[in-house]
C-alpha atoms as a PDB file:
ATOM      1  CA  UNK A   1      86.568 119.643 140.582  1.00  0.00           C
ATOM      2  CA  UNK A   2      87.919 119.281 137.031  1.00  0.00           C
ATOM      3  CA  UNK A   3      85.787 117.176 134.697  1.00  0.00           C
ATOM      4  CA  UNK A   4      87.607 114.506 132.695  1.00  0.00           C
ATOM      5  CA  UNK A   5      86.175 114.042 129.223  1.00  0.00           C
ATOM      6  CA  UNK A   6      86.773 110.554 127.876  1.00  0.00           C
ATOM      7  CA  UNK A   7      88.030 110.562 124.290  1.00  0.00           C
ATOM      8  CA  UNK A   8      88.637 107.814 121.764  1.00  0.00           C
ATOM      9  CA  UNK A   9      91.980 107.448 119.992  1.00  0.00           C
ATOM     10  CA  UNK A  10      90.927 107.687 116.349  1.00  0.00           C
ATOM     11  CA  UNK A  11      92.559 107.278 112.945  1.00  0.00           C
ATOM     12  CA  UNK A  12      91.009 107.754 109.493  1.00  0.00           C
ATOM     13  CA  UNK A  13      91.808 105.565 106.477  1.00  0.00           C
ATOM     14  CA  UNK A  14      91.456 106.998 102.966  1.00  0.00           C
ATOM     15  CA  UNK A  15      92.859 109.492 100.481  1.00  0.00           C
ATOM     16  CA  UNK A  16      94.272 112.725 101.919  1.00  0.00           C
ATOM     17  CA  UNK A  17      91.434 114.730 100.347  1.00  0.00           C
ATOM     18  CA  UNK A  18      88.667 112.528 101.770  1.00  0.00           C
ATOM     19  CA  UNK A  19      90.413 112.264 105.149  1.00  0.00           C
ATOM     20  CA  UNK A  20      90.573 116.067 105.401  1.00  0.00           C
ATOM     21  CA  UNK A  21      86.832 116.311 104.726  1.00  0.00           C
ATOM     22  CA  UNK A  22      85.952 113.687 107.345  1.00  0.00           C
ATOM     23  CA  UNK A  23      88.308 115.241 109.892  1.00  0.00           C
ATOM     24  CA  UNK A  24      86.702 118.628 109.299  1.00  0.00           C
ATOM     25  CA  UNK A  25      83.277 117.148 110.006  1.00  0.00           C
ATOM     26  CA  UNK A  26      84.530 115.566 113.202  1.00  0.00           C
ATOM     27  CA  UNK A  27      85.844 118.919 114.330  1.00  0.00           C
ATOM     28  CA  UNK A  28      82.623 120.745 113.458  1.00  0.00           C
ATOM     29  CA  UNK A  29      80.474 118.426 115.501  1.00  0.00           C
ATOM     30  CA  UNK A  30      83.037 118.385 118.318  1.00  0.00           C
ATOM     31  CA  UNK A  31      83.272 114.605 118.322  1.00  0.00           C
ATOM     32  CA  UNK A  32      84.855 113.212 121.479  1.00  0.00           C
ATOM     33  CA  UNK A  33      87.803 111.644 119.699  1.00  0.00           C
ATOM     34  CA  UNK A  34      91.548 112.050 120.046  1.00  0.00           C
ATOM     35  CA  UNK A  35      92.610 112.248 116.408  1.00  0.00           C
ATOM     36  CA  UNK A  36      95.976 110.540 116.027  1.00  0.00           C
ATOM     37  CA  UNK A  37      96.289 110.937 112.261  1.00  0.00           C
ATOM     38  CA  UNK A  38      95.441 109.127 109.070  1.00  0.00           C
ATOM     39  CA  UNK A  39      96.434 106.166 106.960  1.00  0.00           C
ATOM     40  CA  UNK A  40      96.588 107.011 103.269  1.00  0.00           C
ATOM     41  CA  UNK A  41      96.063 104.805 100.230  1.00  0.00           C
ATOM     42  CA  UNK A  42      99.271 106.391  98.863  1.00  0.00           C
ATOM     43  CA  UNK A  43     102.121 108.517 100.205  1.00  0.00           C
ATOM     44  CA  UNK A  44     101.369 112.275 100.227  1.00  0.00           C
ATOM     45  CA  UNK A  45     103.514 114.384  97.897  1.00  0.00           C
ATOM     46  CA  UNK A  46     104.071 117.070 100.523  1.00  0.00           C
ATOM     47  CA  UNK A  47     104.818 116.903 104.253  1.00  0.00           C
ATOM     48  CA  UNK A  48     101.773 116.256 106.425  1.00  0.00           C
ATOM     49  CA  UNK A  49     102.082 116.113 110.210  1.00  0.00           C
ATOM     50  CA  UNK A  50      99.014 113.855 110.467  1.00  0.00           C
ATOM     51  CA  UNK A  51     100.263 111.266 107.974  1.00  0.00           C
ATOM     52  CA  UNK A  52     100.954 107.944 109.744  1.00  0.00           C
ATOM     53  CA  UNK A  53     101.638 105.630 106.819  1.00  0.00           C
ATOM     54  CA  UNK A  54      99.993 103.712 104.002  1.00  0.00           C
ATOM     55  CA  UNK A  55      97.383 100.982 104.280  1.00  0.00           C
ATOM     56  CA  UNK A  56     100.191  98.399 104.304  1.00  0.00           C
ATOM     57  CA  UNK A  57     101.142  99.689 107.785  1.00  0.00           C
ATOM     58  CA  UNK A  58      97.618  99.806 109.217  1.00  0.00           C
ATOM     59  CA  UNK A  59      98.005  96.957 111.731  1.00  0.00           C
ATOM     60  CA  UNK A  60     101.345  98.338 112.977  1.00  0.00           C
ATOM     61  CA  UNK A  61      99.927 101.855 113.401  1.00  0.00           C
ATOM     62  CA  UNK A  62      96.951 100.494 115.359  1.00  0.00           C
ATOM     63  CA  UNK A  63      99.300  98.753 117.806  1.00  0.00           C
ATOM     64  CA  UNK A  64     101.792 101.611 118.037  1.00  0.00           C
ATOM     65  CA  UNK A  65      99.231 104.340 118.754  1.00  0.00           C
ATOM     66  CA  UNK A  66      96.835 102.154 120.788  1.00  0.00           C
ATOM     67  CA  UNK A  67      94.051 103.028 118.357  1.00  0.00           C
ATOM     68  CA  UNK A  68      90.476 102.529 119.612  1.00  0.00           C
ATOM     69  CA  UNK A  69      88.516 103.674 116.573  1.00  0.00           C
ATOM     70  CA  UNK A  70      89.182 103.254 112.831  1.00  0.00           C
ATOM     71  CA  UNK A  71      87.112 105.275 110.357  1.00  0.00           C
ATOM     72  CA  UNK A  72      87.222 104.021 106.763  1.00  0.00           C
ATOM     73  CA  UNK A  73      86.380 106.298 103.825  1.00  0.00           C
ATOM     74  CA  UNK A  74      84.269 104.143 101.524  1.00  0.00           C
ATOM     75  CA  UNK A  75      84.983 106.363  98.527  1.00  0.00           C
ATOM     76  CA  UNK A  76      88.593 105.184  98.576  1.00  0.00           C
ATOM     77  CA  UNK A  77      88.434 101.782 100.288  1.00  0.00           C
ATOM     78  CA  UNK A  78      86.479  98.825  98.927  1.00  0.00           C
ATOM     79  CA  UNK A  79      84.126  96.793 101.115  1.00  0.00           C
ATOM     80  CA  UNK A  80      86.332  93.734 100.580  1.00  0.00           C
ATOM     81  CA  UNK A  81      89.411  95.584 101.864  1.00  0.00           C
ATOM     82  CA  UNK A  82      87.524  96.831 104.914  1.00  0.00           C
ATOM     83  CA  UNK A  83      86.309  93.311 105.745  1.00  0.00           C
ATOM     84  CA  UNK A  84      89.862  92.047 105.283  1.00  0.00           C
ATOM     85  CA  UNK A  85      91.281  94.531 107.806  1.00  0.00           C
ATOM     86  CA  UNK A  86      88.454  93.879 110.236  1.00  0.00           C
ATOM     87  CA  UNK A  87      89.389  90.209 110.114  1.00  0.00           C
ATOM     88  CA  UNK A  88      93.085  90.925 110.709  1.00  0.00           C
ATOM     89  CA  UNK A  89      92.628  93.455 113.527  1.00  0.00           C
ATOM     90  CA  UNK A  90      90.649  91.447 116.068  1.00  0.00           C
ATOM     91  CA  UNK A  91      90.858  93.556 119.176  1.00  0.00           C
ATOM     92  CA  UNK A  92      87.558  93.728 121.099  1.00  0.00           C
ATOM     93  CA  UNK A  93      88.221  97.335 122.145  1.00  0.00           C
ATOM     94  CA  UNK A  94      88.398  98.679 118.569  1.00  0.00           C
ATOM     95  CA  UNK A  95      85.384 100.292 116.918  1.00  0.00           C
ATOM     96  CA  UNK A  96      85.154 100.101 113.134  1.00  0.00           C
ATOM     97  CA  UNK A  97      83.207 102.756 111.241  1.00  0.00           C
ATOM     98  CA  UNK A  98      82.537 103.452 107.591  1.00  0.00           C
ATOM     99  CA  UNK A  99      81.912 106.930 106.242  1.00  0.00           C
ATOM    100  CA  UNK A 100      79.892 106.786 102.997  1.00  0.00           C
ATOM    101  CA  UNK A 101      80.664 109.006 100.038  1.00  0.00           C
ATOM    102  CA  UNK A 102      79.820 112.692 100.361  1.00  0.00           C
ATOM    103  CA  UNK A 103      76.388 112.379  98.839  1.00  0.00           C
ATOM    104  CA  UNK A 104      75.452 109.722 101.383  1.00  0.00           C
ATOM    105  CA  UNK A 105      76.490 111.533 104.536  1.00  0.00           C
ATOM    106  CA  UNK A 106      73.831 111.690 107.229  1.00  0.00           C
ATOM    107  CA  UNK A 107      74.182 115.068 108.928  1.00  0.00           C
ATOM    108  CA  UNK A 108      71.397 116.284 111.179  1.00  0.00           C
ATOM    109  CA  UNK A 109      70.861 118.764 113.946  1.00  0.00           C
ATOM    110  CA  UNK A 110      68.371 119.264 116.744  1.00  0.00           C
ATOM    111  CA  UNK A 111      67.981 122.965 116.026  1.00  0.00           C
ATOM    112  CA  UNK A 112      69.110 125.679 113.636  1.00  0.00           C
ATOM    113  CA  UNK A 113      71.691 126.815 116.194  1.00  0.00           C
ATOM    114  CA  UNK A 114      73.616 123.559 116.374  1.00  0.00           C
ATOM    115  CA  UNK A 115      76.279 122.348 113.995  1.00  0.00           C
ATOM    116  CA  UNK A 116      74.626 118.965 113.673  1.00  0.00           C
ATOM    117  CA  UNK A 117      75.331 115.393 114.532  1.00  0.00           C
ATOM    118  CA  UNK A 118      77.693 113.282 112.481  1.00  0.00           C
ATOM    119  CA  UNK A 119      76.695 109.666 112.004  1.00  0.00           C
ATOM    120  CA  UNK A 120      78.660 106.757 110.597  1.00  0.00           C
ATOM    121  CA  UNK A 121      77.810 103.128 110.082  1.00  0.00           C
ATOM    122  CA  UNK A 122      79.358 101.175 112.959  1.00  0.00           C
ATOM    123  CA  UNK A 123      80.402  97.614 112.199  1.00  0.00           C
ATOM    124  CA  UNK A 124      81.327  94.754 114.500  1.00  0.00           C
ATOM    125  CA  UNK A 125      81.316  91.046 113.841  1.00  0.00           C
ATOM    126  CA  UNK A 126      79.180  89.064 116.266  1.00  0.00           C
ATOM    127  CA  UNK A 127      81.292  85.954 115.631  1.00  0.00           C
ATOM    128  CA  UNK A 128      84.315  87.786 117.031  1.00  0.00           C
ATOM    129  CA  UNK A 129      82.491  87.700 120.378  1.00  0.00           C
ATOM    130  CA  UNK A 130      83.500  84.729 122.554  1.00  0.00           C
ATOM    131  CA  UNK A 131      80.034  84.657 124.155  1.00  0.00           C
ATOM    132  CA  UNK A 132      78.358  84.215 120.767  1.00  0.00           C
ATOM    133  CA  UNK A 133      80.811  81.451 119.884  1.00  0.00           C
ATOM    134  CA  UNK A 134      79.985  79.639 123.133  1.00  0.00           C
ATOM    135  CA  UNK A 135      76.259  79.962 122.373  1.00  0.00           C
ATOM    136  CA  UNK A 136      76.873  78.562 118.907  1.00  0.00           C
ATOM    137  CA  UNK A 137      78.725  75.569 120.349  1.00  0.00           C
ATOM    138  CA  UNK A 138      75.997  74.919 122.929  1.00  0.00           C
ATOM    139  CA  UNK A 139      73.358  75.036 120.190  1.00  0.00           C
ATOM    140  CA  UNK A 140      75.378  72.563 118.105  1.00  0.00           C
ATOM    141  CA  UNK A 141      75.533  70.085 120.988  1.00  0.00           C
ATOM    142  CA  UNK A 142      71.869  70.469 121.964  1.00  0.00           C
ATOM    143  CA  UNK A 143      70.678  69.998 118.392  1.00  0.00           C
ATOM    144  CA  UNK A 144      72.847  66.902 117.952  1.00  0.00           C
ATOM    145  CA  UNK A 145      71.423  65.379 121.129  1.00  0.00           C
ATOM    146  CA  UNK A 146      67.888  66.197 119.946  1.00  0.00           C
ATOM    147  CA  UNK A 147      68.521  64.644 116.534  1.00  0.00           C
ATOM    148  CA  UNK A 148      69.391  61.241 118.049  1.00  0.00           C
ATOM    149  CA  UNK A 149      65.933  60.350 119.436  1.00  0.00           C
ATOM    150  CA  UNK A 150      64.324  61.933 116.353  1.00  0.00           C
ATOM    151  CA  UNK A 151      66.239  59.729 113.899  1.00  0.00           C
ATOM    152  CA  UNK A 152      63.174  57.625 112.938  1.00  0.00           C
ATOM    153  CA  UNK A 153      61.435  60.823 111.856  1.00  0.00           C
ATOM    154  CA  UNK A 154      64.452  62.563 110.288  1.00  0.00           C
ATOM    155  CA  UNK A 155      66.086  59.732 108.347  1.00  0.00           C
ATOM    156  CA  UNK A 156      63.314  59.456 105.736  1.00  0.00           C
ATOM    157  CA  UNK A 157      63.639  63.211 105.114  1.00  0.00           C
ATOM    158  CA  UNK A 158      67.443  63.594 105.026  1.00  0.00           C
ATOM    159  CA  UNK A 159      68.999  62.836 101.632  1.00  0.00           C
ATOM    160  CA  UNK A 160      72.315  61.264 102.736  1.00  0.00           C
ATOM    161  CA  UNK A 161      71.454  59.233 105.820  1.00  0.00           C
ATOM    162  CA  UNK A 162      74.869  57.765 106.638  1.00  0.00           C
ATOM    163  CA  UNK A 163      76.500  61.172 106.306  1.00  0.00           C
ATOM    164  CA  UNK A 164      73.840  62.608 108.623  1.00  0.00           C
ATOM    165  CA  UNK A 165      74.752  60.085 111.343  1.00  0.00           C
ATOM    166  CA  UNK A 166      78.426  60.884 110.834  1.00  0.00           C
ATOM    167  CA  UNK A 167      77.715  64.616 111.036  1.00  0.00           C
ATOM    168  CA  UNK A 168      75.892  64.230 114.357  1.00  0.00           C
ATOM    169  CA  UNK A 169      78.964  62.512 115.831  1.00  0.00           C
ATOM    170  CA  UNK A 170      81.382  65.044 114.303  1.00  0.00           C
ATOM    171  CA  UNK A 171      79.410  67.995 115.697  1.00  0.00           C
ATOM    172  CA  UNK A 172      79.153  66.389 119.149  1.00  0.00           C
ATOM    173  CA  UNK A 173      82.935  65.926 119.427  1.00  0.00           C
ATOM    174  CA  UNK A 174      83.586  69.441 118.088  1.00  0.00           C
ATOM    175  CA  UNK A 175      85.029  68.614 114.660  1.00  0.00           C
ATOM    176  CA  UNK A 176      82.133  70.277 112.836  1.00  0.00           C
ATOM    177  CA  UNK A 177      79.455  72.919 113.316  1.00  0.00           C
ATOM    178  CA  UNK A 178      75.953  72.638 111.881  1.00  0.00           C
ATOM    179  CA  UNK A 179      76.065  76.036 110.149  1.00  0.00           C
ATOM    180  CA  UNK A 180      79.011  77.992 108.757  1.00  0.00           C
ATOM    181  CA  UNK A 181      80.172  80.022 105.770  1.00  0.00           C
ATOM    182  CA  UNK A 182      79.566  79.390 102.101  1.00  0.00           C
ATOM    183  CA  UNK A 183      82.864  78.148 100.668  1.00  0.00           C
ATOM    184  CA  UNK A 184      84.644  81.267  99.421  1.00  0.00           C
ATOM    185  CA  UNK A 185      88.228  82.487  99.055  1.00  0.00           C
ATOM    186  CA  UNK A 186      87.483  85.601 101.157  1.00  0.00           C
ATOM    187  CA  UNK A 187      86.501  83.512 104.203  1.00  0.00           C
ATOM    188  CA  UNK A 188      90.052  83.774 105.554  1.00  0.00           C
ATOM    189  CA  UNK A 189      89.286  87.367 106.568  1.00  0.00           C
ATOM    190  CA  UNK A 190      86.306  86.354 108.732  1.00  0.00           C
ATOM    191  CA  UNK A 191      86.305  84.746 112.208  1.00  0.00           C
ATOM    192  CA  UNK A 192      87.293  81.089 111.883  1.00  0.00           C
ATOM    193  CA  UNK A 193      84.672  78.369 112.305  1.00  0.00           C
ATOM    194  CA  UNK A 194      84.781  74.586 112.287  1.00  0.00           C
ATOM    195  CA  UNK A 195      83.962  72.744 109.059  1.00  0.00           C
ATOM    196  CA  UNK A 196      80.235  73.178 108.502  1.00  0.00           C
ATOM    197  CA  UNK A 197      77.336  71.041 107.322  1.00  0.00           C
ATOM    198  CA  UNK A 198      74.958  73.810 106.202  1.00  0.00           C
ATOM    199  CA  UNK A 199      75.470  77.413 105.076  1.00  0.00           C
ATOM    200  CA  UNK A 200      73.266  80.528 104.980  1.00  0.00           C
ATOM    201  CA  UNK A 201      72.562  79.593 101.362  1.00  0.00           C
ATOM    202  CA  UNK A 202      70.427  76.698 102.605  1.00  0.00           C
ATOM    203  CA  UNK A 203      67.851  79.311 103.569  1.00  0.00           C
ATOM    204  CA  UNK A 204      67.599  80.483  99.935  1.00  0.00           C
ATOM    205  CA  UNK A 205      65.942  78.713  97.045  1.00  0.00           C
ATOM    206  CA  UNK A 206      67.904  80.578  94.410  1.00  0.00           C
ATOM    207  CA  UNK A 207      71.478  79.280  94.494  1.00  0.00           C
ATOM    208  CA  UNK A 208      72.627  81.124  91.354  1.00  0.00           C
ATOM    209  CA  UNK A 209      74.501  83.922  93.144  1.00  0.00           C
ATOM    210  CA  UNK A 210      77.740  85.623  92.076  1.00  0.00           C
ATOM    211  CA  UNK A 211      81.001  85.756  94.051  1.00  0.00           C
ATOM    212  CA  UNK A 212      80.436  89.263  95.408  1.00  0.00           C
ATOM    213  CA  UNK A 213      77.022  88.275  96.742  1.00  0.00           C
ATOM    214  CA  UNK A 214      78.430  85.140  98.403  1.00  0.00           C
ATOM    215  CA  UNK A 215      81.088  87.255 100.089  1.00  0.00           C
ATOM    216  CA  UNK A 216      78.372  89.621 101.334  1.00  0.00           C
ATOM    217  CA  UNK A 217      76.248  86.720 102.649  1.00  0.00           C
ATOM    218  CA  UNK A 218      79.205  85.349 104.632  1.00  0.00           C
ATOM    219  CA  UNK A 219      80.004  88.798 106.020  1.00  0.00           C
ATOM    220  CA  UNK A 220      76.403  89.380 107.095  1.00  0.00           C
ATOM    221  CA  UNK A 221      76.312  85.953 108.760  1.00  0.00           C
ATOM    222  CA  UNK A 222      79.432  86.828 110.808  1.00  0.00           C
ATOM    223  CA  UNK A 223      78.223  90.355 111.575  1.00  0.00           C
ATOM    224  CA  UNK A 224      74.623  89.572 112.529  1.00  0.00           C
ATOM    225  CA  UNK A 225      75.050  86.081 113.978  1.00  0.00           C
ATOM    226  CA  UNK A 226      72.667  84.788 116.621  1.00  0.00           C
ATOM    227  CA  UNK A 227      71.463  81.285 117.503  1.00  0.00           C
ATOM    228  CA  UNK A 228      68.054  81.999 115.982  1.00  0.00           C
ATOM    229  CA  UNK A 229      69.743  82.475 112.603  1.00  0.00           C
ATOM    230  CA  UNK A 230      71.305  78.997 112.829  1.00  0.00           C
ATOM    231  CA  UNK A 231      67.972  77.456 113.816  1.00  0.00           C
ATOM    232  CA  UNK A 232      66.250  79.075 110.848  1.00  0.00           C
ATOM    233  CA  UNK A 233      68.896  77.812 108.429  1.00  0.00           C
ATOM    234  CA  UNK A 234      68.676  74.289 109.853  1.00  0.00           C
ATOM    235  CA  UNK A 235      64.865  74.199 109.650  1.00  0.00           C
ATOM    236  CA  UNK A 236      65.048  75.282 106.017  1.00  0.00           C
ATOM    237  CA  UNK A 237      67.805  72.787 105.238  1.00  0.00           C
ATOM    238  CA  UNK A 238      66.780  69.621 107.090  1.00  0.00           C
ATOM    239  CA  UNK A 239      67.052  67.589 103.891  1.00  0.00           C
ATOM    240  CA  UNK A 240      70.692  68.632 103.573  1.00  0.00           C
ATOM    241  CA  UNK A 241      71.839  67.678 107.073  1.00  0.00           C
ATOM    242  CA  UNK A 242      73.726  64.809 105.466  1.00  0.00           C
ATOM    243  CA  UNK A 243      75.928  67.127 103.397  1.00  0.00           C
END
């Protein structure tokens, strides 16, 4: 019987030079991908059969070619741009990967007779997962219900007591969430959350952090989210539950 090999519809995003290098590596390691073509940061000067468009057309190309895997070349694409596209293209069946610059490639092999394995850094945002969002909502409700009988203990600790009572009600009815992003202009590219009381910054003592670092903190919160992370932030920020 014939054996059907499952392949992934793949496109690469980057300059034509970097795309060619990454594509060559994929071919050498015989990656199980169906290479549809590439998205360039600028139009090529000569005809290229694999050219699918510029980065402005990325979302359209993904839909048109039913893309399942997008490989970004980090030499040509900034982390902010990659996060932006990941926020815009929210299909659960798409895998996002980043290929570091040439000097950072991880190429290994099991023996001297093999071409080697090609590794990339896979990225997915946990907060794009509906199950994680449901867990987050359940945690919000449970914590709010626990806070009510503990008010005699918590009120002397919380700085803004009236706001704390208001926050408990707002979280219970779904208008707020206990933990969310640090206020930042780049948040529009991340999965949307309700207005928050605390942020990941409440787990840090040093609040003097630049814009790029704040963007990274928000991204890591969305990427690595779990209920334990929220609990840790809340325990470290009990005094600020009245924010």
